[in-house]
Amino acid sequence: MRADHDIVIEVPGVKPPVVVTLDPGTLERIWASICHLPMHRSQHHALERRLTGPCAKRDVIRDLAADPVLVLPVGGHEVRIRWANPSGEPA
């Protein structure tokens, strides 16, 4: 697995795009910023595990290797995560 990378995180209509380094703390901060949004209980639990679970960083890297933009539905919104450098390599 590669070292930490810069990613762009955006919640269209809620949070503007921001570039951050992908690490477990970043994913936990994403969760903290969206956990208050209205969503079904099952979606709440799934997103919490997805963003704060023990394999969260590895799963995001795997998903971004398969698709250039990871879209996580959050109630009526979505979180979009993509590499800051489109090649997926550190900037």
PDB file of N, CA and C in Angstrom:
ATOM      1  N   MET A   1       0.845  -1.182   0.000  1.00  0.00           N
ATOM      2  CA  MET A   1       0.000   0.000   0.000  1.00  0.00           C
ATOM      3  C   MET A   1       0.885   1.238   0.000  1.00  0.00           C
ATOM      4  N   ARG A   2       0.449   2.247  -0.725  1.00  0.00           N
ATOM      5  CA  ARG A   2       1.232   3.474  -0.846  1.00  0.00           C
ATOM      6  C   ARG A   2       1.139   4.315   0.419  1.00  0.00           C
ATOM      7  N   ALA A   3       2.030   5.289   0.504  1.00  0.00           N
ATOM      8  CA  ALA A   3       2.045   6.215   1.642  1.00  0.00           C
ATOM      9  C   ALA A   3       0.820   7.126   1.571  1.00  0.00           C
ATOM     10  N   ASP A   4       0.674   7.990   2.560  1.00  0.00           N
ATOM     11  CA  ASP A   4      -0.447   8.931   2.577  1.00  0.00           C
ATOM     12  C   ASP A   4      -0.474   9.768   1.306  1.00  0.00           C
ATOM     13  N   HIS A   5      -1.683  10.099   0.888  1.00  0.00           N
ATOM     14  CA  HIS A   5      -1.911  10.864  -0.336  1.00  0.00           C
ATOM     15  C   HIS A   5      -2.820  12.040  -0.043  1.00  0.00           C
ATOM     16  N   ASP A   6      -2.738  13.027  -0.904  1.00  0.00           N
ATOM     17  CA  ASP A   6      -3.684  14.131  -0.813  1.00  0.00           C
ATOM     18  C   ASP A   6      -4.945  13.759  -1.573  1.00  0.00           C
ATOM     19  N   ILE A   7      -6.082  14.064  -0.959  1.00  0.00           N
ATOM     20  CA  ILE A   7      -7.378  13.822  -1.572  1.00  0.00           C
ATOM     21  C   ILE A   7      -8.195  15.110  -1.520  1.00  0.00           C
ATOM     22  N   VAL A   8      -9.205  15.166  -2.361  1.00  0.00           N
ATOM     23  CA  VAL A   8     -10.167  16.265  -2.344  1.00  0.00           C
ATOM     24  C   VAL A   8     -11.465  15.697  -1.793  1.00  0.00           C
ATOM     25  N   ILE A   9     -12.014  16.394  -0.804  1.00  0.00           N
ATOM     26  CA  ILE A   9     -13.282  15.987  -0.196  1.00  0.00           C
ATOM     27  C   ILE A   9     -14.278  17.118  -0.430  1.00  0.00           C
ATOM     28  N   GLU A  10     -15.488  16.733  -0.812  1.00  0.00           N
ATOM     29  CA  GLU A  10     -16.520  17.731  -1.074  1.00  0.00           C
ATOM     30  C   GLU A  10     -17.879  17.159  -0.688  1.00  0.00           C
ATOM     31  N   VAL A  11     -18.714  18.005  -0.112  1.00  0.00           N
ATOM     32  CA  VAL A  11     -20.121  17.691   0.109  1.00  0.00           C
ATOM     33  C   VAL A  11     -20.880  18.782  -0.645  1.00  0.00           C
ATOM     34  N   PRO A  12     -21.231  18.522  -1.915  1.00  0.00           N
ATOM     35  CA  PRO A  12     -21.870  19.557  -2.733  1.00  0.00           C
ATOM     36  C   PRO A  12     -23.081  20.168  -2.035  1.00  0.00           C
ATOM     37  N   GLY A  13     -23.117  21.491  -2.013  1.00  0.00           N
ATOM     38  CA  GLY A  13     -24.208  22.221  -1.389  1.00  0.00           C
ATOM     39  C   GLY A  13     -24.067  22.388   0.114  1.00  0.00           C
ATOM     40  N   VAL A  14     -23.067  21.707   0.719  1.00  0.00           N
ATOM     41  CA  VAL A  14     -22.878  21.798   2.164  1.00  0.00           C
ATOM     42  C   VAL A  14     -21.465  22.269   2.488  1.00  0.00           C
ATOM     43  N   LYS A  15     -20.466  21.591   1.944  1.00  0.00           N
ATOM     44  CA  LYS A  15     -19.055  21.919   2.202  1.00  0.00           C
ATOM     45  C   LYS A  15     -18.334  22.054   0.870  1.00  0.00           C
ATOM     46  N   PRO A  16     -17.562  23.119   0.678  1.00  0.00           N
ATOM     47  CA  PRO A  16     -16.802  23.263  -0.569  1.00  0.00           C
ATOM     48  C   PRO A  16     -15.646  22.265  -0.611  1.00  0.00           C
ATOM     49  N   PRO A  17     -15.077  22.035  -1.801  1.00  0.00           N
ATOM     50  CA  PRO A  17     -13.949  21.105  -1.905  1.00  0.00           C
ATOM     51  C   PRO A  17     -12.774  21.569  -1.052  1.00  0.00           C
ATOM     52  N   VAL A  18     -12.113  20.609  -0.420  1.00  0.00           N
ATOM     53  CA  VAL A  18     -10.935  20.891   0.394  1.00  0.00           C
ATOM     54  C   VAL A  18      -9.928  19.774   0.136  1.00  0.00           C
ATOM     55  N   VAL A  19      -8.650  20.141   0.068  1.00  0.00           N
ATOM     56  CA  VAL A  19      -7.580  19.162  -0.120  1.00  0.00           C
ATOM     57  C   VAL A  19      -6.992  18.824   1.242  1.00  0.00           C
ATOM     58  N   VAL A  20      -6.923  17.526   1.541  1.00  0.00           N
ATOM     59  CA  VAL A  20      -6.380  17.035   2.806  1.00  0.00           C
ATOM     60  C   VAL A  20      -5.568  15.780   2.526  1.00  0.00           C
ATOM     61  N   THR A  21      -4.790  15.369   3.504  1.00  0.00           N
ATOM     62  CA  THR A  21      -4.046  14.123   3.391  1.00  0.00           C
ATOM     63  C   THR A  21      -4.929  12.979   3.874  1.00  0.00           C
ATOM     64  N   LEU A  22      -4.977  11.905   3.088  1.00  0.00           N
ATOM     65  CA  LEU A  22      -5.778  10.746   3.454  1.00  0.00           C
ATOM     66  C   LEU A  22      -5.095   9.992   4.590  1.00  0.00           C
ATOM     67  N   ASP A  23      -5.735   9.998   5.734  1.00  0.00           N
ATOM     68  CA  ASP A  23      -5.285   9.207   6.877  1.00  0.00           C
ATOM     69  C   ASP A  23      -6.512   8.919   7.733  1.00  0.00           C
ATOM     70  N   PRO A  24      -6.404   8.009   8.688  1.00  0.00           N
ATOM     71  CA  PRO A  24      -7.580   7.678   9.507  1.00  0.00           C
ATOM     72  C   PRO A  24      -8.189   8.890  10.220  1.00  0.00           C
ATOM     73  N   GLY A  25      -7.362   9.824  10.661  1.00  0.00           N
ATOM     74  CA  GLY A  25      -7.885  11.022  11.321  1.00  0.00           C
ATOM     75  C   GLY A  25      -8.729  11.866  10.387  1.00  0.00           C
ATOM     76  N   THR A  26      -8.326  11.947   9.139  1.00  0.00           N
ATOM     77  CA  THR A  26      -9.102  12.696   8.147  1.00  0.00           C
ATOM     78  C   THR A  26     -10.465  12.056   7.958  1.00  0.00           C
ATOM     79  N   LEU A  27     -10.488  10.750   7.830  1.00  0.00           N
ATOM     80  CA  LEU A  27     -11.769  10.058   7.637  1.00  0.00           C
ATOM     81  C   LEU A  27     -12.668  10.214   8.858  1.00  0.00           C
ATOM     82  N   GLU A  28     -12.087  10.195  10.037  1.00  0.00           N
ATOM     83  CA  GLU A  28     -12.878  10.416  11.256  1.00  0.00           C
ATOM     84  C   GLU A  28     -13.430  11.841  11.295  1.00  0.00           C
ATOM     85  N   ARG A  29     -12.659  12.814  10.825  1.00  0.00           N
ATOM     86  CA  ARG A  29     -13.152  14.197  10.786  1.00  0.00           C
ATOM     87  C   ARG A  29     -14.275  14.354   9.764  1.00  0.00           C
ATOM     88  N   ILE A  30     -14.179  13.632   8.649  1.00  0.00           N
ATOM     89  CA  ILE A  30     -15.286  13.649   7.679  1.00  0.00           C
ATOM     90  C   ILE A  30     -16.544  13.142   8.368  1.00  0.00           C
ATOM     91  N   TRP A  31     -16.420  12.021   9.065  1.00  0.00           N
ATOM     92  CA  TRP A  31     -17.572  11.466   9.768  1.00  0.00           C
ATOM     93  C   TRP A  31     -18.136  12.464  10.776  1.00  0.00           C
ATOM     94  N   ALA A  32     -17.266  13.095  11.536  1.00  0.00           N
ATOM     95  CA  ALA A  32     -17.723  14.067  12.536  1.00  0.00           C
ATOM     96  C   ALA A  32     -18.478  15.228  11.888  1.00  0.00           C
ATOM     97  N   SER A  33     -18.106  15.590  10.664  1.00  0.00           N
ATOM     98  CA  SER A  33     -18.762  16.725  10.014  1.00  0.00           C
ATOM     99  C   SER A  33     -20.081  16.353   9.354  1.00  0.00           C
ATOM    100  N   ILE A  34     -20.315  15.065   9.096  1.00  0.00           N
ATOM    101  CA  ILE A  34     -21.560  14.677   8.428  1.00  0.00           C
ATOM    102  C   ILE A  34     -22.506  13.869   9.309  1.00  0.00           C
ATOM    103  N   CYS A  35     -22.043  13.395  10.451  1.00  0.00           N
ATOM    104  CA  CYS A  35     -22.876  12.492  11.265  1.00  0.00           C
ATOM    105  C   CYS A  35     -24.158  13.148  11.757  1.00  0.00           C
ATOM    106  N   HIS A  36     -24.200  14.463  11.781  1.00  0.00           N
ATOM    107  CA  HIS A  36     -25.403  15.164  12.243  1.00  0.00           C
ATOM    108  C   HIS A  36     -26.442  15.354  11.143  1.00  0.00           C
ATOM    109  N   LEU A  37     -26.076  15.099   9.890  1.00  0.00           N
ATOM    110  CA  LEU A  37     -27.026  15.264   8.788  1.00  0.00           C
ATOM    111  C   LEU A  37     -28.120  14.205   8.889  1.00  0.00           C
ATOM    112  N   PRO A  38     -29.344  14.559   8.490  1.00  0.00           N
ATOM    113  CA  PRO A  38     -30.433  13.577   8.557  1.00  0.00           C
ATOM    114  C   PRO A  38     -30.178  12.404   7.609  1.00  0.00           C
ATOM    115  N   MET A  39     -30.279  11.187   8.144  1.00  0.00           N
ATOM    116  CA  MET A  39     -30.134   9.971   7.336  1.00  0.00           C
ATOM    117  C   MET A  39     -30.769   8.813   8.095  1.00  0.00           C
ATOM    118  N   HIS A  40     -31.068   7.747   7.362  1.00  0.00           N
ATOM    119  CA  HIS A  40     -31.625   6.558   8.000  1.00  0.00           C
ATOM    120  C   HIS A  40     -30.605   5.969   8.969  1.00  0.00           C
ATOM    121  N   ARG A  41     -31.118   5.316   9.987  1.00  0.00           N
ATOM    122  CA  ARG A  41     -30.249   4.712  11.002  1.00  0.00           C
ATOM    123  C   ARG A  41     -29.269   3.722  10.374  1.00  0.00           C
ATOM    124  N   SER A  42     -29.733   2.896   9.441  1.00  0.00           N
ATOM    125  CA  SER A  42     -28.840   1.913   8.809  1.00  0.00           C
ATOM    126  C   SER A  42     -27.735   2.610   8.016  1.00  0.00           C
ATOM    127  N   GLN A  43     -28.085   3.703   7.348  1.00  0.00           N
ATOM    128  CA  GLN A  43     -27.080   4.464   6.606  1.00  0.00           C
ATOM    129  C   GLN A  43     -26.087   5.112   7.574  1.00  0.00           C
ATOM    130  N   HIS A  44     -26.571   5.604   8.683  1.00  0.00           N
ATOM    131  CA  HIS A  44     -25.723   6.209   9.710  1.00  0.00           C
ATOM    132  C   HIS A  44     -24.667   5.204  10.187  1.00  0.00           C
ATOM    133  N   HIS A  45     -25.116   4.009  10.518  1.00  0.00           N
ATOM    134  CA  HIS A  45     -24.193   2.979  11.012  1.00  0.00           C
ATOM    135  C   HIS A  45     -23.213   2.539   9.926  1.00  0.00           C
ATOM    136  N   ALA A  46     -23.701   2.392   8.696  1.00  0.00           N
ATOM    137  CA  ALA A  46     -22.826   1.964   7.601  1.00  0.00           C
ATOM    138  C   ALA A  46     -21.752   3.007   7.315  1.00  0.00           C
ATOM    139  N   LEU A  47     -22.133   4.282   7.289  1.00  0.00           N
ATOM    140  CA  LEU A  47     -21.153   5.345   7.034  1.00  0.00           C
ATOM    141  C   LEU A  47     -20.168   5.491   8.180  1.00  0.00           C
ATOM    142  N   GLU A  48     -20.658   5.344   9.408  1.00  0.00           N
ATOM    143  CA  GLU A  48     -19.753   5.429  10.546  1.00  0.00           C
ATOM    144  C   GLU A  48     -18.681   4.344  10.442  1.00  0.00           C
ATOM    145  N   ARG A  49     -19.094   3.148  10.164  1.00  0.00           N
ATOM    146  CA  ARG A  49     -18.128   2.039  10.023  1.00  0.00           C
ATOM    147  C   ARG A  49     -17.208   2.283   8.829  1.00  0.00           C
ATOM    148  N   ARG A  50     -17.772   2.766   7.733  1.00  0.00           N
ATOM    149  CA  ARG A  50     -17.009   3.010   6.499  1.00  0.00           C
ATOM    150  C   ARG A  50     -15.909   4.043   6.710  1.00  0.00           C
ATOM    151  N   LEU A  51     -16.195   5.068   7.505  1.00  0.00           N
ATOM    152  CA  LEU A  51     -15.245   6.166   7.684  1.00  0.00           C
ATOM    153  C   LEU A  51     -14.405   6.068   8.952  1.00  0.00           C
ATOM    154  N   THR A  52     -14.799   5.263   9.905  1.00  0.00           N
ATOM    155  CA  THR A  52     -14.033   5.183  11.156  1.00  0.00           C
ATOM    156  C   THR A  52     -13.585   3.766  11.488  1.00  0.00           C
ATOM    157  N   GLY A  53     -13.972   2.795  10.680  1.00  0.00           N
ATOM    158  CA  GLY A  53     -13.603   1.410  10.947  1.00  0.00           C
ATOM    159  C   GLY A  53     -12.112   1.167  10.777  1.00  0.00           C
ATOM    160  N   PRO A  54     -11.645   0.015  11.207  1.00  0.00           N
ATOM    161  CA  PRO A  54     -10.214  -0.287  11.185  1.00  0.00           C
ATOM    162  C   PRO A  54      -9.618  -0.360   9.777  1.00  0.00           C
ATOM    163  N   CYS A  55     -10.445  -0.569   8.763  1.00  0.00           N
ATOM    164  CA  CYS A  55      -9.945  -0.681   7.380  1.00  0.00           C
ATOM    165  C   CYS A  55     -10.363   0.508   6.523  1.00  0.00           C
ATOM    166  N   ALA A  56     -10.803   1.592   7.127  1.00  0.00           N
ATOM    167  CA  ALA A  56     -11.359   2.721   6.381  1.00  0.00           C
ATOM    168  C   ALA A  56     -10.383   3.273   5.349  1.00  0.00           C
ATOM    169  N   LYS A  57      -9.160   3.556   5.748  1.00  0.00           N
ATOM    170  CA  LYS A  57      -8.184   4.130   4.815  1.00  0.00           C
ATOM    171  C   LYS A  57      -7.899   3.159   3.672  1.00  0.00           C
ATOM    172  N   ARG A  58      -7.662   1.914   3.982  1.00  0.00           N
ATOM    173  CA  ARG A  58      -7.387   0.907   2.955  1.00  0.00           C
ATOM    174  C   ARG A  58      -8.558   0.794   1.979  1.00  0.00           C
ATOM    175  N   ASP A  59      -9.789   0.818   2.495  1.00  0.00           N
ATOM    176  CA  ASP A  59     -10.963   0.700   1.641  1.00  0.00           C
ATOM    177  C   ASP A  59     -11.110   1.901   0.710  1.00  0.00           C
ATOM    178  N   VAL A  60     -10.823   3.102   1.214  1.00  0.00           N
ATOM    179  CA  VAL A  60     -10.902   4.298   0.363  1.00  0.00           C
ATOM    180  C   VAL A  60      -9.856   4.217  -0.748  1.00  0.00           C
ATOM    181  N   ILE A  61      -8.644   3.811  -0.419  1.00  0.00           N
ATOM    182  CA  ILE A  61      -7.598   3.672  -1.436  1.00  0.00           C
ATOM    183  C   ILE A  61      -8.013   2.639  -2.485  1.00  0.00           C
ATOM    184  N   ARG A  62      -8.544   1.522  -2.034  1.00  0.00           N
ATOM    185  CA  ARG A  62      -9.007   0.478  -2.966  1.00  0.00           C
ATOM    186  C   ARG A  62     -10.115   1.006  -3.873  1.00  0.00           C
ATOM    187  N   ASP A  63     -11.081   1.720  -3.291  1.00  0.00           N
ATOM    188  CA  ASP A  63     -12.193   2.247  -4.086  1.00  0.00           C
ATOM    189  C   ASP A  63     -11.727   3.293  -5.082  1.00  0.00           C
ATOM    190  N   LEU A  64     -10.780   4.142  -4.691  1.00  0.00           N
ATOM    191  CA  LEU A  64     -10.275   5.165  -5.610  1.00  0.00           C
ATOM    192  C   LEU A  64      -9.404   4.558  -6.709  1.00  0.00           C
ATOM    193  N   ALA A  65      -8.833   3.403  -6.463  1.00  0.00           N
ATOM    194  CA  ALA A  65      -8.082   2.713  -7.515  1.00  0.00           C
ATOM    195  C   ALA A  65      -9.036   2.170  -8.582  1.00  0.00           C
ATOM    196  N   ALA A  66     -10.261   1.840  -8.172  1.00  0.00           N
ATOM    197  CA  ALA A  66     -11.247   1.282  -9.089  1.00  0.00           C
ATOM    198  C   ALA A  66     -12.077   2.351  -9.795  1.00  0.00           C
ATOM    199  N   ASP A  67     -12.275   3.492  -9.142  1.00  0.00           N
ATOM    200  CA  ASP A  67     -13.132   4.558  -9.681  1.00  0.00           C
ATOM    201  C   ASP A  67     -12.534   5.894  -9.272  1.00  0.00           C
ATOM    202  N   PRO A  68     -12.450   6.866 -10.180  1.00  0.00           N
ATOM    203  CA  PRO A  68     -11.774   8.123  -9.837  1.00  0.00           C
ATOM    204  C   PRO A  68     -12.471   8.964  -8.775  1.00  0.00           C
ATOM    205  N   VAL A  69     -13.758   8.733  -8.545  1.00  0.00           N
ATOM    206  CA  VAL A  69     -14.489   9.489  -7.523  1.00  0.00           C
ATOM    207  C   VAL A  69     -15.284   8.507  -6.671  1.00  0.00           C
ATOM    208  N   LEU A  70     -15.056   8.569  -5.374  1.00  0.00           N
ATOM    209  CA  LEU A  70     -15.825   7.761  -4.427  1.00  0.00           C
ATOM    210  C   LEU A  70     -16.990   8.622  -3.952  1.00  0.00           C
ATOM    211  N   VAL A  71     -18.207   8.161  -4.165  1.00  0.00           N
ATOM    212  CA  VAL A  71     -19.407   8.901  -3.764  1.00  0.00           C
ATOM    213  C   VAL A  71     -20.095   8.120  -2.656  1.00  0.00           C
ATOM    214  N   LEU A  72     -20.233   8.775  -1.508  1.00  0.00           N
ATOM    215  CA  LEU A  72     -20.910   8.173  -0.361  1.00  0.00           C
ATOM    216  C   LEU A  72     -22.208   8.931  -0.113  1.00  0.00           C
ATOM    217  N   PRO A  73     -23.376   8.308  -0.296  1.00  0.00           N
ATOM    218  CA  PRO A  73     -24.631   8.993  -0.034  1.00  0.00           C
ATOM    219  C   PRO A  73     -24.805   9.264   1.452  1.00  0.00           C
ATOM    220  N   VAL A  74     -25.263  10.487   1.756  1.00  0.00           N
ATOM    221  CA  VAL A  74     -25.489  10.909   3.145  1.00  0.00           C
ATOM    222  C   VAL A  74     -26.846  11.588   3.179  1.00  0.00           C
ATOM    223  N   GLY A  75     -27.885  10.826   3.492  1.00  0.00           N
ATOM    224  CA  GLY A  75     -29.223  11.394   3.473  1.00  0.00           C
ATOM    225  C   GLY A  75     -29.509  11.961   2.091  1.00  0.00           C
ATOM    226  N   GLY A  76     -29.877  13.240   2.019  1.00  0.00           N
ATOM    227  CA  GLY A  76     -30.140  13.892   0.744  1.00  0.00           C
ATOM    228  C   GLY A  76     -28.903  14.485   0.108  1.00  0.00           C
ATOM    229  N   HIS A  77     -27.742  14.246   0.665  1.00  0.00           N
ATOM    230  CA  HIS A  77     -26.482  14.781   0.156  1.00  0.00           C
ATOM    231  C   HIS A  77     -25.556  13.631  -0.218  1.00  0.00           C
ATOM    232  N   GLU A  78     -24.357  13.971  -0.624  1.00  0.00           N
ATOM    233  CA  GLU A  78     -23.344  12.962  -0.872  1.00  0.00           C
ATOM    234  C   GLU A  78     -21.971  13.542  -0.566  1.00  0.00           C
ATOM    235  N   VAL A  79     -21.086  12.676  -0.121  1.00  0.00           N
ATOM    236  CA  VAL A  79     -19.687  13.032   0.092  1.00  0.00           C
ATOM    237  C   VAL A  79     -18.942  12.508  -1.123  1.00  0.00           C
ATOM    238  N   ARG A  80     -18.147  13.376  -1.742  1.00  0.00           N
ATOM    239  CA  ARG A  80     -17.334  12.970  -2.889  1.00  0.00           C
ATOM    240  C   ARG A  80     -15.867  13.048  -2.487  1.00  0.00           C
ATOM    241  N   ILE A  81     -15.160  11.964  -2.730  1.00  0.00           N
ATOM    242  CA  ILE A  81     -13.732  11.888  -2.420  1.00  0.00           C
ATOM    243  C   ILE A  81     -13.009  11.494  -3.699  1.00  0.00           C
ATOM    244  N   ARG A  82     -11.942  12.208  -4.017  1.00  0.00           N
ATOM    245  CA  ARG A  82     -11.127  11.883  -5.200  1.00  0.00           C
ATOM    246  C   ARG A  82      -9.686  12.253  -4.904  1.00  0.00           C
ATOM    247  N   TRP A  83      -8.768  11.711  -5.678  1.00  0.00           N
ATOM    248  CA  TRP A  83      -7.366  12.080  -5.538  1.00  0.00           C
ATOM    249  C   TRP A  83      -7.179  13.540  -5.886  1.00  0.00           C
ATOM    250  N   ALA A  84      -6.362  14.248  -5.145  1.00  0.00           N
ATOM    251  CA  ALA A  84      -6.042  15.643  -5.481  1.00  0.00           C
ATOM    252  C   ALA A  84      -5.191  15.669  -6.748  1.00  0.00           C
ATOM    253  N   ASN A  85      -4.357  14.669  -6.912  1.00  0.00           N
ATOM    254  CA  ASN A  85      -3.548  14.492  -8.109  1.00  0.00           C
ATOM    255  C   ASN A  85      -4.205  13.361  -8.889  1.00  0.00           C
ATOM    256  N   PRO A  86      -4.770  13.643 -10.077  1.00  0.00           N
ATOM    257  CA  PRO A  86      -5.542  12.621 -10.796  1.00  0.00           C
ATOM    258  C   PRO A  86      -4.810  11.311 -11.040  1.00  0.00           C
ATOM    259  N   SER A  87      -3.499  11.311 -11.046  1.00  0.00           N
ATOM    260  CA  SER A  87      -2.765  10.058 -11.269  1.00  0.00           C
ATOM    261  C   SER A  87      -2.809   9.165 -10.036  1.00  0.00           C
ATOM    262  N   GLY A  88      -3.239   9.715  -8.895  1.00  0.00           N
ATOM    263  CA  GLY A  88      -3.286   8.947  -7.659  1.00  0.00           C
ATOM    264  C   GLY A  88      -1.959   8.883  -6.942  1.00  0.00           C
ATOM    265  N   GLU A  89      -0.977   9.545  -7.479  1.00  0.00           N
ATOM    266  CA  GLU A  89       0.333   9.580  -6.846  1.00  0.00           C
ATOM    267  C   GLU A  89       0.444  10.808  -5.954  1.00  0.00           C
ATOM    268  N   PRO A  90       1.274  10.768  -4.945  1.00  0.00           N
ATOM    269  CA  PRO A  90       1.424  11.952  -4.084  1.00  0.00           C
ATOM    270  C   PRO A  90       1.817  13.181  -4.894  1.00  0.00           C
ATOM    271  N   ALA A  91       1.257  14.321  -4.513  1.00  0.00           N
ATOM    272  CA  ALA A  91       1.552  15.568  -5.225  1.00  0.00           C
ATOM    273  C   ALA A  91       2.927  16.093  -4.849  1.00  0.00           C
TER     274      ALA A  91
END
